[in-house]
Amino acid sequence: MRTLTATTEDFPIREVFRISRGEKTVAQVVTVTVSEAGVTGRGECVPYGRYGESLSGVCEQIEQVRGAVESGMSIYELQDALPAGAARNAVDCALWDLTARTTGRSVAELAGITGVVNPVVTAYTLSLDTPEHMGAAAKRHAHFPILKVKLGGSGDVERVRAVRVAAPSAHLILDANESWTPQQVRQFTPALHEMGVELIEQPLPANDDDFLTSFDSPVPLAADEACRDLATLEKVADRYAIANIKLDKTGGLTEALRVERAARSMGLKTMTGCMVATSLSMAPGVVLAQRTDFVHLDGPMLLAGDRSPALRYVGALVHPADGGVWAP
């Protein structure tokens, strides 16, 4: 007989994490454990306020499938039982972990990924702030090869210029979190291209981005909030060059792998993304990242303290799970 538990946990963030929609100082997560015959699998999710999710709402969704999961629901049956989102992510990843530990096979093998699971290089996030403060933050983190710069609209060119001066060798990717207007897209992108920016995530609101269908951007654009699951990809392919795949959006590793395959077939590049969360959230992402062009899995690096056991981070290098925090 299986048992399922869901608990909420708070992990303080080392510094204020700020994006265009707001700021936070604590990462609030829901941790799911599924145990069977003395073996336990775990998964973690972060309720995504952008999609109307909350800690209580996610826990209610998990409770709705408790009986079915405890009666033996499979990973694939779960996809129809819960919608894409944080609740399904936590349960889905717990079931992947449980299956790998029960069968003695790696998650990568179960996912059809052949060969060695390699460490991946993650981008490091700089929170939205004044140009002066962001330049200072970039200088402190200039040793990271890829910096992800959070933006918010007016003054963004000046912010990026300050970061570029402070970290002249870093690869820069930007994330506007839906904060720009079409006029700002036209105005900002040529200057950002001249600064060597390699990618801009979600410049316009996801539900108001038709402008992008006819805009030839000098910097590749990535869909973040506009890219949730398979159902959103057709629209994404008409507007963006890159799909940012986050397990808290797709509802777990199962759908994330499907989205990655479908995006490739549509000619899109892909990114593995994350929320601010612990190593338990990042570990499934490392599996997905074996297939994606860009990697953003720095969540634990932004925390005052990760959970234990944890993934091993060496600079910007994220090592795959070794059976501690999640299945190898």
C-alpha atoms as a PDB file:
ATOM      1  CA  MET A   1       0.000   0.000   0.000  1.00  0.00           C
ATOM      2  CA  ARG A   2       1.344   3.409  -0.933  1.00  0.00           C
ATOM      3  CA  THR A   3       1.161   6.488   1.235  1.00  0.00           C
ATOM      4  CA  LEU A   4       1.281  10.094   0.050  1.00  0.00           C
ATOM      5  CA  THR A   5       2.123  13.120   2.168  1.00  0.00           C
ATOM      6  CA  ALA A   6       2.241  16.784   1.209  1.00  0.00           C
ATOM      7  CA  THR A   7       3.853  19.433   3.390  1.00  0.00           C
ATOM      8  CA  THR A   8       4.644  23.119   2.986  1.00  0.00           C
ATOM      9  CA  GLU A   9       8.114  24.454   3.712  1.00  0.00           C
ATOM     10  CA  ASP A  10       9.742  27.892   3.776  1.00  0.00           C
ATOM     11  CA  PHE A  11      13.309  28.533   2.614  1.00  0.00           C
ATOM     12  CA  PRO A  12      14.608  32.090   3.174  1.00  0.00           C
ATOM     13  CA  ILE A  13      16.163  33.769   0.146  1.00  0.00           C
ATOM     14  CA  ARG A  14      19.631  35.205   0.682  1.00  0.00           C
ATOM     15  CA  GLU A  15      18.770  38.603  -0.803  1.00  0.00           C
ATOM     16  CA  VAL A  16      15.514  40.149  -2.002  1.00  0.00           C
ATOM     17  CA  PHE A  17      14.439  38.434  -5.233  1.00  0.00           C
ATOM     18  CA  ARG A  18      12.733  41.026  -7.405  1.00  0.00           C
ATOM     19  CA  ILE A  19      11.096  40.838 -10.844  1.00  0.00           C
ATOM     20  CA  SER A  20       8.699  43.140 -12.674  1.00  0.00           C
ATOM     21  CA  ARG A  21       5.647  41.667 -10.889  1.00  0.00           C
ATOM     22  CA  GLY A  22       6.982  41.973  -7.341  1.00  0.00           C
ATOM     23  CA  GLU A  23       9.535  40.724  -4.862  1.00  0.00           C
ATOM     24  CA  LYS A  24       9.945  38.022  -2.241  1.00  0.00           C
ATOM     25  CA  THR A  25      12.337  37.043   0.530  1.00  0.00           C
ATOM     26  CA  VAL A  26      11.143  33.465   1.117  1.00  0.00           C
ATOM     27  CA  ALA A  27      10.716  30.522  -1.248  1.00  0.00           C
ATOM     28  CA  GLN A  28       7.519  28.720  -0.258  1.00  0.00           C
ATOM     29  CA  VAL A  29       7.393  25.164  -1.564  1.00  0.00           C
ATOM     30  CA  VAL A  30       5.152  22.123  -1.348  1.00  0.00           C
ATOM     31  CA  THR A  31       7.009  18.838  -0.839  1.00  0.00           C
ATOM     32  CA  VAL A  32       5.339  15.562  -1.760  1.00  0.00           C
ATOM     33  CA  THR A  33       6.519  12.125  -0.632  1.00  0.00           C
ATOM     34  CA  VAL A  34       5.130   8.868  -1.994  1.00  0.00           C
ATOM     35  CA  SER A  35       6.220   5.743  -0.124  1.00  0.00           C
ATOM     36  CA  GLU A  36       5.716   2.094  -1.016  1.00  0.00           C
ATOM     37  CA  ALA A  37       7.295  -1.087   0.362  1.00  0.00           C
ATOM     38  CA  GLY A  38       9.900   0.851   2.316  1.00  0.00           C
ATOM     39  CA  VAL A  39      10.943   3.028  -0.652  1.00  0.00           C
ATOM     40  CA  THR A  40      10.180   6.755  -0.821  1.00  0.00           C
ATOM     41  CA  GLY A  41      10.073   9.116  -3.773  1.00  0.00           C
ATOM     42  CA  ARG A  42       9.954  12.887  -3.392  1.00  0.00           C
ATOM     43  CA  GLY A  43       8.989  15.887  -5.469  1.00  0.00           C
ATOM     44  CA  GLU A  44       8.828  19.631  -4.861  1.00  0.00           C
ATOM     45  CA  CYS A  45       6.862  22.447  -6.432  1.00  0.00           C
ATOM     46  CA  VAL A  46       6.473  26.205  -6.148  1.00  0.00           C
ATOM     47  CA  PRO A  47       2.917  27.536  -6.578  1.00  0.00           C
ATOM     48  CA  TYR A  48       3.012  30.003  -9.473  1.00  0.00           C
ATOM     49  CA  GLY A  49       1.045  33.129  -8.567  1.00  0.00           C
ATOM     50  CA  ARG A  50       1.132  34.258 -12.198  1.00  0.00           C
ATOM     51  CA  TYR A  51      -1.315  31.432 -12.948  1.00  0.00           C
ATOM     52  CA  GLY A  52      -3.428  31.953  -9.846  1.00  0.00           C
ATOM     53  CA  GLU A  53      -1.806  29.206  -7.772  1.00  0.00           C
ATOM     54  CA  SER A  54      -1.339  29.288  -3.994  1.00  0.00           C
ATOM     55  CA  LEU A  55       0.039  26.978  -1.315  1.00  0.00           C
ATOM     56  CA  SER A  56      -3.438  26.062  -0.096  1.00  0.00           C
ATOM     57  CA  GLY A  57      -4.795  25.564  -3.610  1.00  0.00           C
ATOM     58  CA  VAL A  58      -1.909  23.308  -4.601  1.00  0.00           C
ATOM     59  CA  CYS A  59      -2.338  21.223  -1.439  1.00  0.00           C
ATOM     60  CA  GLU A  60      -6.061  20.878  -2.192  1.00  0.00           C
ATOM     61  CA  GLN A  61      -5.298  19.633  -5.703  1.00  0.00           C
ATOM     62  CA  ILE A  62      -2.840  17.073  -4.355  1.00  0.00           C
ATOM     63  CA  GLU A  63      -5.412  15.909  -1.827  1.00  0.00           C
ATOM     64  CA  GLN A  64      -7.869  15.285  -4.689  1.00  0.00           C
ATOM     65  CA  VAL A  65      -5.601  12.580  -6.136  1.00  0.00           C
ATOM     66  CA  ARG A  66      -4.330  11.128  -2.861  1.00  0.00           C
ATOM     67  CA  GLY A  67      -6.619   8.106  -2.974  1.00  0.00           C
ATOM     68  CA  ALA A  68      -5.815   7.291  -6.589  1.00  0.00           C
ATOM     69  CA  VAL A  69      -2.054   7.679  -6.053  1.00  0.00           C
ATOM     70  CA  GLU A  70      -2.158   5.512  -2.944  1.00  0.00           C
ATOM     71  CA  SER A  71      -4.109   2.906  -4.923  1.00  0.00           C
ATOM     72  CA  GLY A  72      -1.337   2.704  -7.511  1.00  0.00           C
ATOM     73  CA  MET A  73      -1.976   5.505 -10.026  1.00  0.00           C
ATOM     74  CA  SER A  74       0.769   5.592 -12.673  1.00  0.00           C
ATOM     75  CA  ILE A  75       2.711   8.618 -13.832  1.00  0.00           C
ATOM     76  CA  TYR A  76       0.793   8.573 -17.098  1.00  0.00           C
ATOM     77  CA  GLU A  77      -2.623   8.286 -15.453  1.00  0.00           C
ATOM     78  CA  LEU A  78      -1.672  11.305 -13.338  1.00  0.00           C
ATOM     79  CA  GLN A  79      -1.446  13.478 -16.453  1.00  0.00           C
ATOM     80  CA  ASP A  80      -5.213  13.216 -16.943  1.00  0.00           C
ATOM     81  CA  ALA A  81      -6.059  13.464 -13.250  1.00  0.00           C
ATOM     82  CA  LEU A  82      -4.525  16.915 -12.639  1.00  0.00           C
ATOM     83  CA  PRO A  83      -3.998  19.914 -14.933  1.00  0.00           C
ATOM     84  CA  ALA A  84      -0.586  21.283 -15.824  1.00  0.00           C
ATOM     85  CA  GLY A  85       0.818  23.213 -12.880  1.00  0.00           C
ATOM     86  CA  ALA A  86       2.657  23.016  -9.608  1.00  0.00           C
ATOM     87  CA  ALA A  87       0.516  20.356  -7.892  1.00  0.00           C
ATOM     88  CA  ARG A  88       0.953  17.836 -10.677  1.00  0.00           C
ATOM     89  CA  ASN A  89       4.666  18.643 -10.820  1.00  0.00           C
ATOM     90  CA  ALA A  90       5.297  17.651  -7.204  1.00  0.00           C
ATOM     91  CA  VAL A  91       3.365  14.378  -7.510  1.00  0.00           C
ATOM     92  CA  ASP A  92       4.797  13.569 -10.951  1.00  0.00           C
ATOM     93  CA  CYS A  93       8.389  14.031  -9.787  1.00  0.00           C
ATOM     94  CA  ALA A  94       7.765  12.016  -6.626  1.00  0.00           C
ATOM     95  CA  LEU A  95       6.495   9.145  -8.781  1.00  0.00           C
ATOM     96  CA  TRP A  96       9.527   9.365 -11.090  1.00  0.00           C
ATOM     97  CA  ASP A  97      11.781   9.225  -8.032  1.00  0.00           C
ATOM     98  CA  LEU A  98       9.854   6.300  -6.554  1.00  0.00           C
ATOM     99  CA  THR A  99       9.894   4.360  -9.833  1.00  0.00           C
ATOM    100  CA  ALA A 100      13.628   4.845 -10.310  1.00  0.00           C
ATOM    101  CA  ARG A 101      14.429   3.742  -6.765  1.00  0.00           C
ATOM    102  CA  THR A 102      12.057   0.762  -6.952  1.00  0.00           C
ATOM    103  CA  THR A 103      13.297  -0.532 -10.317  1.00  0.00           C
ATOM    104  CA  GLY A 104      16.977   0.298  -9.841  1.00  0.00           C
ATOM    105  CA  ARG A 105      17.003   2.185 -13.140  1.00  0.00           C
ATOM    106  CA  SER A 106      18.031   5.834 -13.457  1.00  0.00           C
ATOM    107  CA  VAL A 107      15.450   8.517 -14.170  1.00  0.00           C
ATOM    108  CA  ALA A 108      17.337   9.347 -17.368  1.00  0.00           C
ATOM    109  CA  GLU A 109      17.086   5.743 -18.529  1.00  0.00           C
ATOM    110  CA  LEU A 110      13.378   5.660 -17.721  1.00  0.00           C
ATOM    111  CA  ALA A 111      12.993   8.908 -19.679  1.00  0.00           C
ATOM    112  CA  GLY A 112      14.717   7.462 -22.738  1.00  0.00           C
ATOM    113  CA  ILE A 113      17.856   9.572 -22.395  1.00  0.00           C
ATOM    114  CA  THR A 114      20.843   7.475 -23.409  1.00  0.00           C
ATOM    115  CA  GLY A 115      24.437   7.943 -22.327  1.00  0.00           C
ATOM    116  CA  VAL A 116      25.925   9.600 -19.287  1.00  0.00           C
ATOM    117  CA  VAL A 117      23.944  12.305 -17.495  1.00  0.00           C
ATOM    118  CA  ASN A 118      26.391  15.186 -17.476  1.00  0.00           C
ATOM    119  CA  PRO A 119      26.699  18.226 -15.235  1.00  0.00           C
ATOM    120  CA  VAL A 120      25.195  21.343 -16.811  1.00  0.00           C
ATOM    121  CA  VAL A 121      26.179  25.006 -16.706  1.00  0.00           C
ATOM    122  CA  THR A 122      23.435  27.186 -15.272  1.00  0.00           C
ATOM    123  CA  ALA A 123      22.771  30.874 -15.757  1.00  0.00           C
ATOM    124  CA  TYR A 124      22.861  32.950 -12.559  1.00  0.00           C
ATOM    125  CA  THR A 125      20.049  35.441 -11.921  1.00  0.00           C
ATOM    126  CA  LEU A 126      20.443  39.135 -11.149  1.00  0.00           C
ATOM    127  CA  SER A 127      17.287  40.599  -9.591  1.00  0.00           C
ATOM    128  CA  LEU A 128      15.624  43.722 -10.920  1.00  0.00           C
ATOM    129  CA  ASP A 129      17.037  46.890  -9.371  1.00  0.00           C
ATOM    130  CA  THR A 130      18.538  50.243 -10.327  1.00  0.00           C
ATOM    131  CA  PRO A 131      21.310  50.248 -12.947  1.00  0.00           C
ATOM    132  CA  GLU A 132      23.842  51.057 -10.228  1.00  0.00           C
ATOM    133  CA  HIS A 133      22.796  48.179  -7.967  1.00  0.00           C
ATOM    134  CA  MET A 134      22.543  45.730 -10.858  1.00  0.00           C
ATOM    135  CA  GLY A 135      25.993  46.735 -12.072  1.00  0.00           C
ATOM    136  CA  ALA A 136      27.369  46.121  -8.591  1.00  0.00           C
ATOM    137  CA  ALA A 137      25.652  42.727  -8.445  1.00  0.00           C
ATOM    138  CA  ALA A 138      27.053  41.837 -11.867  1.00  0.00           C
ATOM    139  CA  LYS A 139      30.545  42.736 -10.698  1.00  0.00           C
ATOM    140  CA  ARG A 140      30.172  40.431  -7.679  1.00  0.00           C
ATOM    141  CA  HIS A 141      29.033  37.590  -9.922  1.00  0.00           C
ATOM    142  CA  ALA A 142      31.149  38.279 -13.005  1.00  0.00           C
ATOM    143  CA  HIS A 143      32.815  34.883 -12.573  1.00  0.00           C
ATOM    144  CA  PHE A 144      29.610  33.190 -13.714  1.00  0.00           C
ATOM    145  CA  PRO A 145      29.742  32.530 -17.462  1.00  0.00           C
ATOM    146  CA  ILE A 146      26.019  33.262 -18.002  1.00  0.00           C
ATOM    147  CA  LEU A 147      24.052  35.990 -16.250  1.00  0.00           C
ATOM    148  CA  LYS A 148      20.265  36.144 -16.422  1.00  0.00           C
ATOM    149  CA  VAL A 149      19.182  39.750 -15.961  1.00  0.00           C
ATOM    150  CA  LYS A 150      15.704  40.545 -14.655  1.00  0.00           C
ATOM    151  CA  LEU A 151      14.150  43.632 -16.228  1.00  0.00           C
ATOM    152  CA  GLY A 152      11.067  45.764 -15.728  1.00  0.00           C
ATOM    153  CA  GLY A 153      10.466  48.268 -18.542  1.00  0.00           C
ATOM    154  CA  SER A 154      11.624  51.875 -18.416  1.00  0.00           C
ATOM    155  CA  GLY A 155      15.383  52.105 -17.865  1.00  0.00           C
ATOM    156  CA  ASP A 156      16.122  48.555 -18.981  1.00  0.00           C
ATOM    157  CA  VAL A 157      18.741  49.516 -21.569  1.00  0.00           C
ATOM    158  CA  GLU A 158      20.620  51.385 -18.857  1.00  0.00           C
ATOM    159  CA  ARG A 159      20.348  48.367 -16.548  1.00  0.00           C
ATOM    160  CA  VAL A 160      21.801  46.023 -19.147  1.00  0.00           C
ATOM    161  CA  ARG A 161      24.546  48.491 -20.032  1.00  0.00           C
ATOM    162  CA  ALA A 162      25.591  48.647 -16.366  1.00  0.00           C
ATOM    163  CA  VAL A 163      25.668  44.851 -16.194  1.00  0.00           C
ATOM    164  CA  ARG A 164      27.659  44.598 -19.425  1.00  0.00           C
ATOM    165  CA  VAL A 165      30.287  47.078 -18.163  1.00  0.00           C
ATOM    166  CA  ALA A 166      30.606  45.196 -14.871  1.00  0.00           C
ATOM    167  CA  ALA A 167      30.727  41.727 -16.471  1.00  0.00           C
ATOM    168  CA  PRO A 168      32.209  42.228 -19.949  1.00  0.00           C
ATOM    169  CA  SER A 169      32.889  38.530 -20.560  1.00  0.00           C
ATOM    170  CA  ALA A 170      29.569  37.098 -19.419  1.00  0.00           C
ATOM    171  CA  HIS A 171      26.938  35.744 -21.777  1.00  0.00           C
ATOM    172  CA  LEU A 172      23.802  37.787 -21.116  1.00  0.00           C
ATOM    173  CA  ILE A 173      20.225  36.564 -21.251  1.00  0.00           C
ATOM    174  CA  LEU A 174      17.403  38.875 -20.239  1.00  0.00           C
ATOM    175  CA  ASP A 175      13.982  38.283 -18.692  1.00  0.00           C
ATOM    176  CA  ALA A 176      11.398  41.061 -18.893  1.00  0.00           C
ATOM    177  CA  ASN A 177       8.594  38.999 -17.289  1.00  0.00           C
ATOM    178  CA  GLU A 178       5.907  40.533 -19.541  1.00  0.00           C
ATOM    179  CA  SER A 179       6.815  44.115 -18.596  1.00  0.00           C
ATOM    180  CA  TRP A 180       7.481  45.717 -22.008  1.00  0.00           C
ATOM    181  CA  THR A 181       5.250  47.388 -24.549  1.00  0.00           C
ATOM    182  CA  PRO A 182       5.541  46.862 -28.323  1.00  0.00           C
ATOM    183  CA  GLN A 183       7.150  50.312 -28.560  1.00  0.00           C
ATOM    184  CA  GLN A 184       9.788  49.279 -26.019  1.00  0.00           C
ATOM    185  CA  VAL A 185      10.442  46.043 -27.913  1.00  0.00           C
ATOM    186  CA  ARG A 186      11.168  48.107 -31.041  1.00  0.00           C
ATOM    187  CA  GLN A 187      13.246  50.631 -29.107  1.00  0.00           C
ATOM    188  CA  PHE A 188      15.254  48.322 -26.836  1.00  0.00           C
ATOM    189  CA  THR A 189      16.189  45.338 -28.975  1.00  0.00           C
ATOM    190  CA  PRO A 190      18.648  47.038 -31.387  1.00  0.00           C
ATOM    191  CA  ALA A 191      20.652  48.508 -28.489  1.00  0.00           C
ATOM    192  CA  LEU A 192      20.583  45.197 -26.613  1.00  0.00           C
ATOM    193  CA  HIS A 193      21.792  43.397 -29.723  1.00  0.00           C
ATOM    194  CA  GLU A 194      24.753  45.771 -29.902  1.00  0.00           C
ATOM    195  CA  MET A 195      25.609  44.861 -26.294  1.00  0.00           C
ATOM    196  CA  GLY A 196      25.788  41.189 -27.225  1.00  0.00           C
ATOM    197  CA  VAL A 197      22.577  40.070 -25.535  1.00  0.00           C
ATOM    198  CA  GLU A 198      21.841  36.503 -26.649  1.00  0.00           C
ATOM    199  CA  LEU A 199      18.231  35.980 -25.597  1.00  0.00           C
ATOM    200  CA  ILE A 200      15.251  37.948 -24.264  1.00  0.00           C
ATOM    201  CA  GLU A 201      12.518  36.128 -22.357  1.00  0.00           C
ATOM    202  CA  GLN A 202       8.873  37.139 -22.501  1.00  0.00           C
ATOM    203  CA  PRO A 203       9.084  40.840 -23.388  1.00  0.00           C
ATOM    204  CA  LEU A 204       5.298  41.233 -23.799  1.00  0.00           C
ATOM    205  CA  PRO A 205       2.350  39.902 -21.788  1.00  0.00           C
ATOM    206  CA  ALA A 206       1.658  36.315 -22.796  1.00  0.00           C
ATOM    207  CA  ASN A 207      -1.955  37.094 -23.683  1.00  0.00           C
ATOM    208  CA  ASP A 208      -1.080  40.226 -25.628  1.00  0.00           C
ATOM    209  CA  ASP A 209       1.907  39.305 -27.787  1.00  0.00           C
ATOM    210  CA  ASP A 210       0.416  39.297 -31.300  1.00  0.00           C
ATOM    211  CA  PHE A 211       2.856  42.076 -32.203  1.00  0.00           C
ATOM    212  CA  LEU A 212       5.638  39.489 -32.216  1.00  0.00           C
ATOM    213  CA  THR A 213       4.171  37.603 -35.185  1.00  0.00           C
ATOM    214  CA  SER A 214       5.342  40.391 -37.505  1.00  0.00           C
ATOM    215  CA  PHE A 215       8.374  41.671 -35.582  1.00  0.00           C
ATOM    216  CA  ASP A 216      11.807  40.583 -36.786  1.00  0.00           C
ATOM    217  CA  SER A 217      13.750  40.779 -33.531  1.00  0.00           C
ATOM    218  CA  PRO A 218      17.527  41.315 -33.713  1.00  0.00           C
ATOM    219  CA  VAL A 219      17.771  39.300 -30.468  1.00  0.00           C
ATOM    220  CA  PRO A 220      16.146  35.832 -30.227  1.00  0.00           C
ATOM    221  CA  LEU A 221      12.993  35.871 -28.121  1.00  0.00           C
ATOM    222  CA  ALA A 222      12.003  33.143 -25.663  1.00  0.00           C
ATOM    223  CA  ALA A 223       8.513  32.272 -24.467  1.00  0.00           C
ATOM    224  CA  ASP A 224       8.269  31.873 -20.697  1.00  0.00           C
ATOM    225  CA  GLU A 225       4.836  32.773 -19.330  1.00  0.00           C
ATOM    226  CA  ALA A 226       3.444  32.079 -22.819  1.00  0.00           C
ATOM    227  CA  CYS A 227       4.812  28.520 -22.785  1.00  0.00           C
ATOM    228  CA  ARG A 228       3.054  26.227 -20.309  1.00  0.00           C
ATOM    229  CA  ASP A 229       2.473  22.837 -21.889  1.00  0.00           C
ATOM    230  CA  LEU A 230       1.913  21.100 -25.222  1.00  0.00           C
ATOM    231  CA  ALA A 231      -1.314  22.998 -25.807  1.00  0.00           C
ATOM    232  CA  THR A 232       0.524  26.348 -25.916  1.00  0.00           C
ATOM    233  CA  LEU A 233       3.311  25.403 -28.319  1.00  0.00           C
ATOM    234  CA  GLU A 234       1.543  26.170 -31.588  1.00  0.00           C
ATOM    235  CA  LYS A 235       1.098  29.807 -30.574  1.00  0.00           C
ATOM    236  CA  VAL A 236       4.643  29.958 -29.200  1.00  0.00           C
ATOM    237  CA  ALA A 237       6.153  28.746 -32.480  1.00  0.00           C
ATOM    238  CA  ASP A 238       4.464  31.626 -34.306  1.00  0.00           C
ATOM    239  CA  ARG A 239       6.055  34.284 -32.086  1.00  0.00           C
ATOM    240  CA  TYR A 240       9.241  33.029 -30.446  1.00  0.00           C
ATOM    241  CA  ALA A 241      12.485  31.248 -31.270  1.00  0.00           C
ATOM    242  CA  ILE A 242      12.923  29.524 -27.883  1.00  0.00           C
ATOM    243  CA  ALA A 243      10.604  27.744 -25.444  1.00  0.00           C
ATOM    244  CA  ASN A 244      11.393  28.050 -21.729  1.00  0.00           C
ATOM    245  CA  ILE A 245      10.258  24.797 -20.127  1.00  0.00           C
ATOM    246  CA  LYS A 246       9.665  24.875 -16.361  1.00  0.00           C
ATOM    247  CA  LEU A 247       8.356  21.834 -14.544  1.00  0.00           C
ATOM    248  CA  ASP A 248       6.105  23.964 -12.349  1.00  0.00           C
ATOM    249  CA  LYS A 249       4.393  25.140 -15.542  1.00  0.00           C
ATOM    250  CA  THR A 250       4.245  21.839 -17.427  1.00  0.00           C
ATOM    251  CA  GLY A 251       3.128  19.889 -14.400  1.00  0.00           C
ATOM    252  CA  GLY A 252       6.189  17.707 -14.055  1.00  0.00           C
ATOM    253  CA  LEU A 253       8.975  15.956 -15.894  1.00  0.00           C
ATOM    254  CA  THR A 254       6.571  13.805 -17.926  1.00  0.00           C
ATOM    255  CA  GLU A 255       4.984  16.726 -19.760  1.00  0.00           C
ATOM    256  CA  ALA A 256       8.260  18.677 -19.845  1.00  0.00           C
ATOM    257  CA  LEU A 257       9.880  15.905 -21.881  1.00  0.00           C
ATOM    258  CA  ARG A 258       6.914  15.923 -24.265  1.00  0.00           C
ATOM    259  CA  VAL A 259       7.107  19.696 -24.652  1.00  0.00           C
ATOM    260  CA  GLU A 260      10.828  19.523 -25.377  1.00  0.00           C
ATOM    261  CA  ARG A 261      10.340  16.927 -28.117  1.00  0.00           C
ATOM    262  CA  ALA A 262       7.455  18.834 -29.680  1.00  0.00           C
ATOM    263  CA  ALA A 263       9.308  22.150 -29.559  1.00  0.00           C
ATOM    264  CA  ARG A 264      12.249  20.582 -31.371  1.00  0.00           C
ATOM    265  CA  SER A 265       9.948  19.247 -34.078  1.00  0.00           C
ATOM    266  CA  MET A 266       8.620  22.789 -34.588  1.00  0.00           C
ATOM    267  CA  GLY A 267      12.116  24.203 -35.031  1.00  0.00           C
ATOM    268  CA  LEU A 268      12.257  25.888 -31.639  1.00  0.00           C
ATOM    269  CA  LYS A 269      15.278  25.906 -29.357  1.00  0.00           C
ATOM    270  CA  THR A 270      14.617  25.082 -25.724  1.00  0.00           C
ATOM    271  CA  MET A 271      15.542  26.201 -22.232  1.00  0.00           C
ATOM    272  CA  THR A 272      15.267  24.400 -18.913  1.00  0.00           C
ATOM    273  CA  GLY A 273      13.963  26.970 -16.445  1.00  0.00           C
ATOM    274  CA  CYS A 274      13.215  27.053 -12.738  1.00  0.00           C
ATOM    275  CA  MET A 275      11.590  28.904  -9.889  1.00  0.00           C
ATOM    276  CA  VAL A 276      13.471  29.936  -6.745  1.00  0.00           C
ATOM    277  CA  ALA A 277      13.435  26.600  -4.938  1.00  0.00           C
ATOM    278  CA  THR A 278      15.637  23.882  -3.484  1.00  0.00           C
ATOM    279  CA  SER A 279      17.718  21.125  -5.031  1.00  0.00           C
ATOM    280  CA  LEU A 280      14.686  18.843  -4.957  1.00  0.00           C
ATOM    281  CA  SER A 281      13.057  21.070  -7.586  1.00  0.00           C
ATOM    282  CA  MET A 282      16.248  21.323  -9.645  1.00  0.00           C
ATOM    283  CA  ALA A 283      17.127  17.608  -9.799  1.00  0.00           C
ATOM    284  CA  PRO A 284      14.450  16.648 -12.374  1.00  0.00           C
ATOM    285  CA  GLY A 285      15.428  19.746 -14.333  1.00  0.00           C
ATOM    286  CA  VAL A 286      18.988  18.452 -14.688  1.00  0.00           C
ATOM    287  CA  VAL A 287      17.537  15.429 -16.510  1.00  0.00           C
ATOM    288  CA  LEU A 288      15.539  17.669 -18.862  1.00  0.00           C
ATOM    289  CA  ALA A 289      18.599  19.907 -19.325  1.00  0.00           C
ATOM    290  CA  GLN A 290      20.442  17.073 -21.031  1.00  0.00           C
ATOM    291  CA  ARG A 291      18.302  17.921 -24.061  1.00  0.00           C
ATOM    292  CA  THR A 292      17.936  21.712 -23.942  1.00  0.00           C
ATOM    293  CA  ASP A 293      20.012  24.512 -25.452  1.00  0.00           C
ATOM    294  CA  PHE A 294      19.897  26.832 -22.433  1.00  0.00           C
ATOM    295  CA  VAL A 295      19.876  26.008 -18.721  1.00  0.00           C
ATOM    296  CA  HIS A 296      18.621  28.078 -15.810  1.00  0.00           C
ATOM    297  CA  LEU A 297      18.708  25.997 -12.619  1.00  0.00           C
ATOM    298  CA  ASP A 298      20.194  28.393 -10.075  1.00  0.00           C
ATOM    299  CA  GLY A 299      17.313  28.297  -7.563  1.00  0.00           C
ATOM    300  CA  PRO A 300      19.310  26.878  -4.612  1.00  0.00           C
ATOM    301  CA  MET A 301      22.118  29.366  -5.232  1.00  0.00           C
ATOM    302  CA  LEU A 302      19.716  32.191  -4.369  1.00  0.00           C
ATOM    303  CA  LEU A 303      18.653  30.671  -1.053  1.00  0.00           C
ATOM    304  CA  ALA A 304      20.157  31.383   2.358  1.00  0.00           C
ATOM    305  CA  GLY A 305      20.379  27.596   2.724  1.00  0.00           C
ATOM    306  CA  ASP A 306      19.424  24.613   0.578  1.00  0.00           C
ATOM    307  CA  ARG A 307      17.797  21.439   1.882  1.00  0.00           C
ATOM    308  CA  SER A 308      20.032  18.506   2.848  1.00  0.00           C
ATOM    309  CA  PRO A 309      20.968  16.336   1.076  1.00  0.00           C
ATOM    310  CA  ALA A 310      21.347  18.608  -1.941  1.00  0.00           C
ATOM    311  CA  LEU A 311      22.658  18.711  -5.474  1.00  0.00           C
ATOM    312  CA  ARG A 312      26.331  19.563  -5.857  1.00  0.00           C
ATOM    313  CA  TYR A 313      27.004  23.025  -7.292  1.00  0.00           C
ATOM    314  CA  VAL A 314      30.568  23.913  -8.288  1.00  0.00           C
ATOM    315  CA  GLY A 315      30.536  27.482  -9.525  1.00  0.00           C
ATOM    316  CA  ALA A 316      27.990  27.480 -12.327  1.00  0.00           C
ATOM    317  CA  LEU A 317      28.219  23.706 -12.796  1.00  0.00           C
ATOM    318  CA  VAL A 318      25.214  21.722 -11.539  1.00  0.00           C
ATOM    319  CA  HIS A 319      25.894  18.046 -11.016  1.00  0.00           C
ATOM    320  CA  PRO A 320      23.115  15.480 -11.514  1.00  0.00           C
ATOM    321  CA  ALA A 321      21.416  13.830  -8.563  1.00  0.00           C
ATOM    322  CA  ASP A 322      23.335  10.948  -7.011  1.00  0.00           C
ATOM    323  CA  GLY A 323      20.521   9.310  -5.073  1.00  0.00           C
ATOM    324  CA  GLY A 324      20.589  11.701  -2.137  1.00  0.00           C
ATOM    325  CA  VAL A 325      18.065  14.442  -2.738  1.00  0.00           C
ATOM    326  CA  TRP A 326      16.531  12.583  -5.712  1.00  0.00           C
ATOM    327  CA  ALA A 327      17.088   9.409  -7.681  1.00  0.00           C
ATOM    328  CA  PRO A 328      20.236   9.212  -9.845  1.00  0.00           C
END
